[in-house]
């Protein structure tokens, strides 16, 4: 059997279907095992005792050749009573709040993710700088971002806590990979999910339906590594330079922003993620028969972007309500002051109100907040 440390285990399910793997795979998105590198192999006997870690070939053969031992039937496994695990208000340790948070994440479903996040935050107040707890809190925030109970700022909070975890232990491979999954191309070891479409095609060719994914990998998750930053040449022209397009004051479209990593130093690169979602309370929906969604960035002096303008593809349907994601990469100048930098931008889109409501062309301004680490100042 295998163990994965995936943020999105449904993607592992598709990979297994593609490769026709038929053994059990356990999911350890929280990295409860505490492993810092993969792959790792355990030899476990009938009684559940670990006999070897990363065995040599001779150890492996000897283990397989050893006679089986009678252990009796396994004990029954029941879903834990989560609420009985909640610590008393005081005194309670960070470990107790962390255990309760783990249970809420693993067994409570999306509806209890908010409570899991609160429990992790209480644990961190009692044990500031706890790397594993920071990482798990980031995993919980990202899972809520991918769910129907998403809250603004969830993805940015995930990136911030993953960065805090890695700062506490820069040797932790699992934590580093989670940031690289959503980060810039310069920091990527390989394309993380570029195999998804190939897998789906192979599965369909066998006459099967591909296993569904909760969220589609895109942008940074399928991008190939790059050896150097490729910036915009400055030739693009802003689509609304005078700011004359009416603002979306009713927030018919919500805009959520995140940068990964959440803080960079001089000459550093980060990846910006923008998620635009029609407001269900207004029955808002995209008008796909007009111009596509456009996003424009106005980086401060000295900052570079891989492109100033991006457009989102439109589905063939006349109207739709799907979230749309736009990504940019930003490179900091060689000289930075030690305070966050704001990168302004705006989105232009056609949006309609209610089922037969008016379709409007609107603009929404936003700011990407980029944290600064290892700042430098010009020499006097």
Protein backbone atom coordinates (compact mmCIF):
# COMPACT_ATOMS: atom_id res chain seq x y z
CA UNK A 1 0.00 0.00 0.00
CA UNK A 2 1.10 3.57 -0.54
CA UNK A 3 0.93 6.90 1.27
CA UNK A 4 0.72 10.31 -0.40
CA UNK A 5 1.13 13.81 1.02
CA UNK A 6 -1.12 15.40 -1.64
CA UNK A 7 -3.16 18.56 -1.10
CA UNK A 8 -5.58 17.15 -3.72
CA UNK A 9 -5.92 13.36 -3.29
CA UNK A 10 -8.51 13.16 -6.08
CA UNK A 11 -5.65 13.76 -8.52
CA UNK A 12 -3.89 10.71 -7.14
CA UNK A 13 -7.08 8.73 -7.78
CA UNK A 14 -7.00 9.76 -11.45
CA UNK A 15 -3.31 8.83 -11.69
CA UNK A 16 -4.03 5.39 -10.20
CA UNK A 17 -6.86 4.86 -12.67
CA UNK A 18 -4.56 5.85 -15.53
CA UNK A 19 -1.77 3.50 -14.46
CA UNK A 20 -4.25 0.77 -13.40
CA UNK A 21 -2.91 0.62 -9.86
CA UNK A 22 -5.15 -1.54 -7.68
CA UNK A 23 -3.57 -1.36 -4.23
CA UNK A 24 -4.71 0.91 -1.36
CA UNK A 25 -3.36 4.46 -1.16
CA UNK A 26 -3.58 6.32 2.15
CA UNK A 27 -3.81 10.12 2.18
CA UNK A 28 -1.66 12.16 4.55
CA UNK A 29 -2.31 15.72 3.33
CA UNK A 30 -1.44 17.05 6.80
CA UNK A 31 1.92 15.23 6.80
CA UNK A 32 1.06 13.60 10.12
CA UNK A 33 3.89 11.12 9.50
CA UNK A 34 6.30 14.04 9.67
CA UNK A 35 8.38 12.79 6.76
CA UNK A 36 10.70 15.40 5.29
CA UNK A 37 11.58 13.62 2.03
CA UNK A 38 10.15 11.02 -0.34
CA UNK A 39 10.17 8.25 -1.38
CA UNK A 40 10.32 6.32 1.87
CA UNK A 41 9.61 2.59 2.36
CA UNK A 42 8.42 0.82 5.51
CA UNK A 43 8.29 -2.94 6.06
CA UNK A 44 5.39 -3.67 8.43
CA UNK A 45 4.67 -7.15 9.78
CA UNK A 46 1.33 -8.80 10.55
CA UNK A 47 1.23 -7.27 14.04
CA UNK A 48 1.68 -3.75 12.68
CA UNK A 49 5.29 -3.46 13.81
CA UNK A 50 7.67 -1.54 11.55
CA UNK A 51 10.57 -3.92 10.85
CA UNK A 52 12.65 -1.71 8.56
CA UNK A 53 12.75 1.77 7.04
CA UNK A 54 14.15 2.13 3.51
CA UNK A 55 15.32 -1.50 3.49
CA UNK A 56 18.13 -2.76 1.33
CA UNK A 57 17.23 -5.45 -1.25
CA UNK A 58 18.51 -8.27 1.01
CA UNK A 59 16.37 -7.03 3.92
CA UNK A 60 13.34 -6.84 1.68
CA UNK A 61 13.78 -10.40 0.39
CA UNK A 62 14.32 -11.74 3.90
CA UNK A 63 11.18 -9.98 5.11
CA UNK A 64 9.06 -11.50 2.33
CA UNK A 65 10.50 -14.95 3.01
CA UNK A 66 9.81 -14.85 6.76
CA UNK A 67 6.86 -17.00 7.94
CA UNK A 68 3.60 -15.23 8.70
CA UNK A 69 2.57 -14.95 12.34
CA UNK A 70 -0.90 -15.53 13.74
CA UNK A 71 -2.27 -12.23 15.00
CA UNK A 72 -6.01 -12.79 15.23
CA UNK A 73 -8.67 -10.53 13.74
CA UNK A 74 -7.91 -6.80 13.66
CA UNK A 75 -9.68 -4.60 16.21
CA UNK A 76 -12.75 -2.74 14.94
CA UNK A 77 -12.17 0.80 13.72
CA UNK A 78 -14.82 3.43 14.38
CA UNK A 79 -15.13 7.06 13.42
CA UNK A 80 -13.92 9.10 16.42
CA UNK A 81 -16.34 11.14 18.49
CA UNK A 82 -14.87 14.47 17.42
CA UNK A 83 -16.63 16.71 19.92
CA UNK A 84 -15.41 14.58 22.81
CA UNK A 85 -11.87 15.41 21.67
CA UNK A 86 -12.35 19.16 22.10
CA UNK A 87 -10.03 20.36 24.88
CA UNK A 88 -11.31 22.14 27.94
CA UNK A 89 -10.91 25.89 27.59
CA UNK A 90 -8.12 26.15 30.18
CA UNK A 91 -5.66 24.74 30.73
CA UNK A 92 -5.21 23.04 27.35
CA UNK A 93 -1.96 22.37 25.55
CA UNK A 94 -1.05 23.17 21.96
CA UNK A 95 -0.85 19.44 21.27
CA UNK A 96 -4.44 18.92 22.47
CA UNK A 97 -5.77 21.72 20.26
CA UNK A 98 -3.71 20.37 17.35
CA UNK A 99 -5.11 16.86 17.79
CA UNK A 100 -8.65 18.24 17.87
CA UNK A 101 -7.95 20.31 14.74
CA UNK A 102 -6.57 17.23 12.95
CA UNK A 103 -9.75 15.30 13.77
CA UNK A 104 -11.97 18.11 12.49
CA UNK A 105 -9.97 18.27 9.25
CA UNK A 106 -9.89 14.50 8.70
CA UNK A 107 -13.40 13.55 9.81
CA UNK A 108 -15.50 16.71 9.98
CA UNK A 109 -16.00 17.46 6.29
CA UNK A 110 -15.98 20.87 4.65
CA UNK A 111 -18.63 22.21 7.03
CA UNK A 112 -16.18 21.97 9.95
CA UNK A 113 -13.13 23.41 8.22
CA UNK A 114 -13.72 26.77 9.88
CA UNK A 115 -13.60 25.14 13.30
CA UNK A 116 -10.47 23.20 12.33
CA UNK A 117 -8.80 26.47 11.33
CA UNK A 118 -9.80 28.06 14.64
CA UNK A 119 -8.38 25.09 16.56
CA UNK A 120 -5.06 25.22 14.68
CA UNK A 121 -4.87 28.96 15.36
CA UNK A 122 -5.42 28.35 19.09
CA UNK A 123 -2.65 25.74 19.05
CA UNK A 124 -0.28 28.23 17.41
CA UNK A 125 -1.09 30.90 19.99
CA UNK A 126 0.08 28.42 22.62
CA UNK A 127 3.11 27.27 20.60
CA UNK A 128 4.21 30.09 18.26
CA UNK A 129 6.52 28.99 15.47
CA UNK A 130 5.45 25.33 15.52
CA UNK A 131 6.34 24.34 11.93
CA UNK A 132 4.08 21.27 11.57
CA UNK A 133 1.12 23.21 12.99
CA UNK A 134 1.77 26.11 10.60
CA UNK A 135 1.83 23.69 7.68
CA UNK A 136 -1.41 21.96 8.70
CA UNK A 137 -3.16 25.29 9.15
CA UNK A 138 -2.09 26.19 5.60
CA UNK A 139 -3.48 22.88 4.30
CA UNK A 140 -6.82 23.60 6.01
CA UNK A 141 -7.02 27.10 4.52
CA UNK A 142 -6.29 25.79 1.01
CA UNK A 143 -8.84 23.00 1.36
CA UNK A 144 -11.49 25.55 2.35
CA UNK A 145 -10.45 27.69 -0.63
CA UNK A 146 -11.22 24.71 -2.89
CA UNK A 147 -14.61 24.05 -1.28
CA UNK A 148 -18.11 25.51 -1.47
CA UNK A 149 -17.51 27.27 1.89
CA UNK A 150 -14.58 29.34 0.55
CA UNK A 151 -13.88 32.63 2.31
CA UNK A 152 -11.95 35.60 0.88
CA UNK A 153 -8.26 35.41 1.70
CA UNK A 154 -8.15 31.64 2.30
CA UNK A 155 -5.54 30.96 -0.37
CA UNK A 156 -3.29 33.83 0.72
CA UNK A 157 -3.53 32.60 4.32
CA UNK A 158 -2.49 29.12 3.16
CA UNK A 159 0.58 30.52 1.39
CA UNK A 160 1.50 32.61 4.43
CA UNK A 161 1.36 29.66 6.84
CA UNK A 162 3.25 27.34 4.46
CA UNK A 163 5.99 29.97 4.26
CA UNK A 164 6.10 30.22 8.07
CA UNK A 165 6.41 26.43 8.30
CA UNK A 166 9.27 26.32 5.81
CA UNK A 167 11.00 29.20 7.59
CA UNK A 168 11.04 27.05 10.74
CA UNK A 169 12.63 24.11 8.87
CA UNK A 170 14.02 24.80 5.37
CA UNK A 171 14.96 21.10 5.02
CA UNK A 172 11.31 19.98 4.89
CA UNK A 173 10.79 18.70 1.34
CA UNK A 174 7.00 18.21 1.66
CA UNK A 175 6.42 21.78 2.81
CA UNK A 176 8.66 23.22 0.09
CA UNK A 177 6.85 21.27 -2.63
CA UNK A 178 3.49 22.65 -1.51
CA UNK A 179 4.70 26.21 -2.09
CA UNK A 180 6.38 25.27 -5.38
CA UNK A 181 3.11 23.74 -6.60
CA UNK A 182 1.55 27.21 -6.69
CA UNK A 183 4.71 29.30 -7.04
CA UNK A 184 6.70 30.83 -9.91
CA UNK A 185 8.34 28.87 -12.71
CA UNK A 186 11.86 29.79 -11.57
CA UNK A 187 11.33 27.77 -8.39
CA UNK A 188 9.76 24.67 -9.98
CA UNK A 189 11.58 21.32 -10.11
CA UNK A 190 9.13 19.97 -12.73
CA UNK A 191 5.56 20.50 -14.02
CA UNK A 192 3.37 19.15 -11.23
CA UNK A 193 0.17 18.15 -13.07
CA UNK A 194 0.92 18.36 -16.79
CA UNK A 195 0.03 14.65 -17.03
CA UNK A 196 -3.69 15.14 -16.27
CA UNK A 197 -4.94 15.53 -19.86
CA UNK A 198 -2.79 12.62 -21.06
CA UNK A 199 -4.24 10.48 -18.27
CA UNK A 200 -7.82 11.41 -19.15
CA UNK A 201 -7.27 10.63 -22.84
CA UNK A 202 -5.79 7.22 -22.01
CA UNK A 203 -8.63 6.37 -19.63
CA UNK A 204 -11.28 7.39 -22.20
CA UNK A 205 -9.51 5.32 -24.86
CA UNK A 206 -10.10 2.27 -22.62
CA UNK A 207 -13.81 3.07 -22.56
CA UNK A 208 -13.79 4.37 -18.97
CA UNK A 209 -14.89 7.68 -17.46
CA UNK A 210 -11.93 9.53 -15.90
CA UNK A 211 -12.11 9.99 -12.16
CA UNK A 212 -13.41 13.55 -11.50
CA UNK A 213 -11.28 16.29 -9.95
CA UNK A 214 -12.43 18.75 -7.30
CA UNK A 215 -10.37 21.56 -8.83
CA UNK A 216 -8.73 21.63 -12.23
CA UNK A 217 -4.96 22.12 -12.18
CA UNK A 218 -3.98 25.19 -14.17
CA UNK A 219 -1.37 27.91 -14.46
CA UNK A 220 1.42 27.27 -11.99
CA UNK A 221 0.35 23.66 -11.42
CA UNK A 222 0.96 22.66 -15.03
CA UNK A 223 3.67 25.19 -15.93
CA UNK A 224 7.13 23.97 -16.89
CA UNK A 225 10.19 25.22 -14.96
CA UNK A 226 12.05 28.24 -16.33
CA UNK A 227 15.72 29.14 -16.04
CA UNK A 228 15.19 32.90 -16.26
CA UNK A 229 12.39 35.39 -15.75
CA UNK A 230 10.71 36.46 -18.97
CA UNK A 231 9.18 39.90 -18.52
CA UNK A 232 6.75 41.99 -20.50
CA UNK A 233 8.42 44.29 -23.03
CA UNK A 234 6.19 47.20 -22.10
CA UNK A 235 4.46 47.29 -25.47
CA UNK A 236 0.99 46.40 -24.19
CA UNK A 237 -1.50 49.24 -23.84
CA UNK A 238 -3.90 49.49 -20.88
CA UNK A 239 -7.53 48.70 -21.80
CA UNK A 240 -8.96 51.46 -19.56
CA UNK A 241 -6.13 54.02 -19.11
CA UNK A 242 -8.38 56.89 -17.98
CA UNK A 243 -10.46 54.74 -15.63
CA UNK A 244 -13.73 55.60 -17.36
CA UNK A 245 -15.38 52.16 -17.16
CA UNK A 246 -17.96 52.07 -14.36
CA UNK A 247 -16.93 50.22 -11.22
CA UNK A 248 -18.68 47.05 -10.07
CA UNK A 249 -19.89 48.66 -6.84
CA UNK A 250 -22.39 45.86 -6.16
CA UNK A 251 -19.60 43.27 -6.37
CA UNK A 252 -21.46 41.16 -8.92
CA UNK A 253 -18.07 39.48 -9.34
CA UNK A 254 -15.89 38.80 -6.30
CA UNK A 255 -12.11 39.01 -6.72
CA UNK A 256 -9.85 37.06 -4.38
CA UNK A 257 -6.08 37.47 -4.65
CA UNK A 258 -3.04 35.56 -3.42
CA UNK A 259 0.71 35.57 -4.10
CA UNK A 260 2.91 32.47 -3.71
CA UNK A 261 5.34 32.72 -2.05
CA UNK A 262 3.74 35.36 0.13
CA UNK A 263 7.01 37.26 0.63
CA UNK A 264 10.09 37.66 -1.58
CA UNK A 265 13.47 39.37 -1.32
CA UNK A 266 15.42 41.53 -3.79
CA UNK A 267 15.26 40.12 -7.34
CA UNK A 268 12.78 37.53 -6.05
CA UNK A 269 9.87 36.18 -8.09
CA UNK A 270 6.33 35.36 -6.93
CA UNK A 271 3.23 34.03 -8.65
CA UNK A 272 -0.01 36.00 -8.34
CA UNK A 273 -3.35 34.16 -8.38
CA UNK A 274 -6.65 35.95 -9.00
CA UNK A 275 -9.94 34.09 -8.60
CA UNK A 276 -13.06 35.81 -9.98
CA UNK A 277 -16.41 34.32 -8.98
CA UNK A 278 -19.97 35.45 -9.89
CA UNK A 279 -21.98 36.49 -6.82
CA UNK A 280 -24.69 33.88 -6.26
CA UNK A 281 -26.65 36.26 -4.02
CA UNK A 282 -27.28 38.44 -7.11
CA UNK A 283 -27.69 35.42 -9.43
CA UNK A 284 -24.79 36.97 -11.36
CA UNK A 285 -23.34 35.14 -14.36
CA UNK A 286 -20.80 35.67 -17.11
CA UNK A 287 -21.94 36.94 -20.51
CA UNK A 288 -19.89 34.75 -22.89
CA UNK A 289 -21.22 36.36 -26.05
CA UNK A 290 -19.30 39.57 -25.38
CA UNK A 291 -15.59 40.30 -24.87
CA UNK A 292 -13.69 37.96 -22.56
CA UNK A 293 -12.58 38.78 -19.02
CA UNK A 294 -9.42 40.95 -19.11
CA UNK A 295 -7.05 41.67 -16.24
CA UNK A 296 -4.42 44.42 -16.28
CA UNK A 297 -1.50 44.99 -13.87
CA UNK A 298 0.27 48.29 -13.14
CA UNK A 299 3.48 47.25 -11.34
CA UNK A 300 5.40 49.89 -9.33
CA UNK A 301 8.65 51.31 -10.64
CA UNK A 302 11.40 48.71 -10.77
CA UNK A 303 9.01 45.74 -10.69
CA UNK A 304 8.58 43.48 -13.72
CA UNK A 305 5.70 41.22 -14.73
CA UNK A 306 5.62 38.34 -17.19
CA UNK A 307 2.69 40.08 -18.92
CA UNK A 308 0.71 43.22 -18.27
CA UNK A 309 -2.61 41.89 -19.55
CA UNK A 310 -4.24 38.45 -19.39
CA UNK A 311 -7.55 37.15 -20.75
CA UNK A 312 -9.62 34.21 -19.52
CA UNK A 313 -10.98 31.73 -22.08
CA UNK A 314 -14.77 31.59 -22.40
CA UNK A 315 -16.87 28.42 -22.55
CA UNK A 316 -19.15 27.83 -25.56
CA UNK A 317 -22.34 28.38 -23.54
CA UNK A 318 -23.91 31.85 -23.83
CA UNK A 319 -23.88 32.29 -20.04
CA UNK A 320 -22.05 30.49 -17.22
CA UNK A 321 -21.24 30.87 -13.53
CA UNK A 322 -17.89 29.10 -13.17
CA UNK A 323 -14.98 30.66 -11.23
CA UNK A 324 -12.25 32.05 -13.49
CA UNK A 325 -8.60 32.17 -12.54
CA UNK A 326 -5.89 34.47 -13.88
CA UNK A 327 -2.21 34.17 -12.96
CA UNK A 328 0.80 36.46 -13.35
CA UNK A 329 4.43 36.31 -12.28
CA UNK A 330 6.13 39.32 -10.71
CA UNK A 331 9.83 40.03 -10.19
CA UNK A 332 11.06 42.42 -7.50
CA UNK A 333 13.79 45.00 -8.12
CA UNK A 334 17.31 44.58 -6.77
CA UNK A 335 16.63 47.16 -4.05
CA UNK A 336 13.69 46.75 -1.68
CA UNK A 337 12.59 48.47 1.49
CA UNK A 338 11.38 46.37 4.37
CA UNK A 339 7.65 46.89 3.98
CA UNK A 340 4.96 45.15 1.88
CA UNK A 341 4.56 46.31 -1.70
CA UNK A 342 1.19 46.94 -3.31
CA UNK A 343 0.81 46.05 -7.00
CA UNK A 344 -2.41 47.61 -8.37
CA UNK A 345 -4.51 46.24 -11.19
CA UNK A 346 -8.04 45.96 -12.47
CA UNK A 347 -10.39 43.49 -14.13
CA UNK A 348 -12.83 44.27 -16.96
CA UNK A 349 -15.74 41.94 -17.62
CA UNK A 350 -19.29 41.55 -18.91
CA UNK A 351 -21.60 40.31 -16.15
CA UNK A 352 -25.38 39.83 -16.02
CA UNK A 353 -27.77 40.13 -13.08
CA UNK A 354 -30.40 37.46 -12.39
CA UNK A 355 -31.76 35.01 -14.96
CA UNK A 356 -33.08 37.63 -17.40
CA UNK A 357 -31.39 40.68 -15.93
CA UNK A 358 -29.34 43.44 -17.48
CA UNK A 359 -25.83 42.60 -18.76
CA UNK A 360 -23.23 45.18 -17.78
CA UNK A 361 -19.64 46.01 -18.68
CA UNK A 362 -17.84 46.69 -15.41
CA UNK A 363 -14.41 47.29 -13.91
CA UNK A 364 -13.11 46.20 -10.52
CA UNK A 365 -9.85 47.47 -9.05
CA UNK A 366 -7.69 45.27 -6.82
CA UNK A 367 -4.30 45.29 -5.12
CA UNK A 368 -1.79 42.45 -4.85
CA UNK A 369 0.00 42.68 -1.50
CA UNK A 370 3.52 41.24 -1.77
CA UNK A 371 5.45 40.74 1.46
CA UNK A 372 9.15 41.62 1.58
CA UNK A 373 11.86 39.46 3.13
CA UNK A 374 15.59 40.14 3.24
CA UNK A 375 15.11 43.75 2.14
CA UNK A 376 18.02 45.84 0.93
CA UNK A 377 18.47 49.58 0.74
CA UNK A 378 20.56 51.66 -1.64
CA UNK A 379 24.03 52.58 -0.45
CA UNK A 380 24.33 56.15 0.92
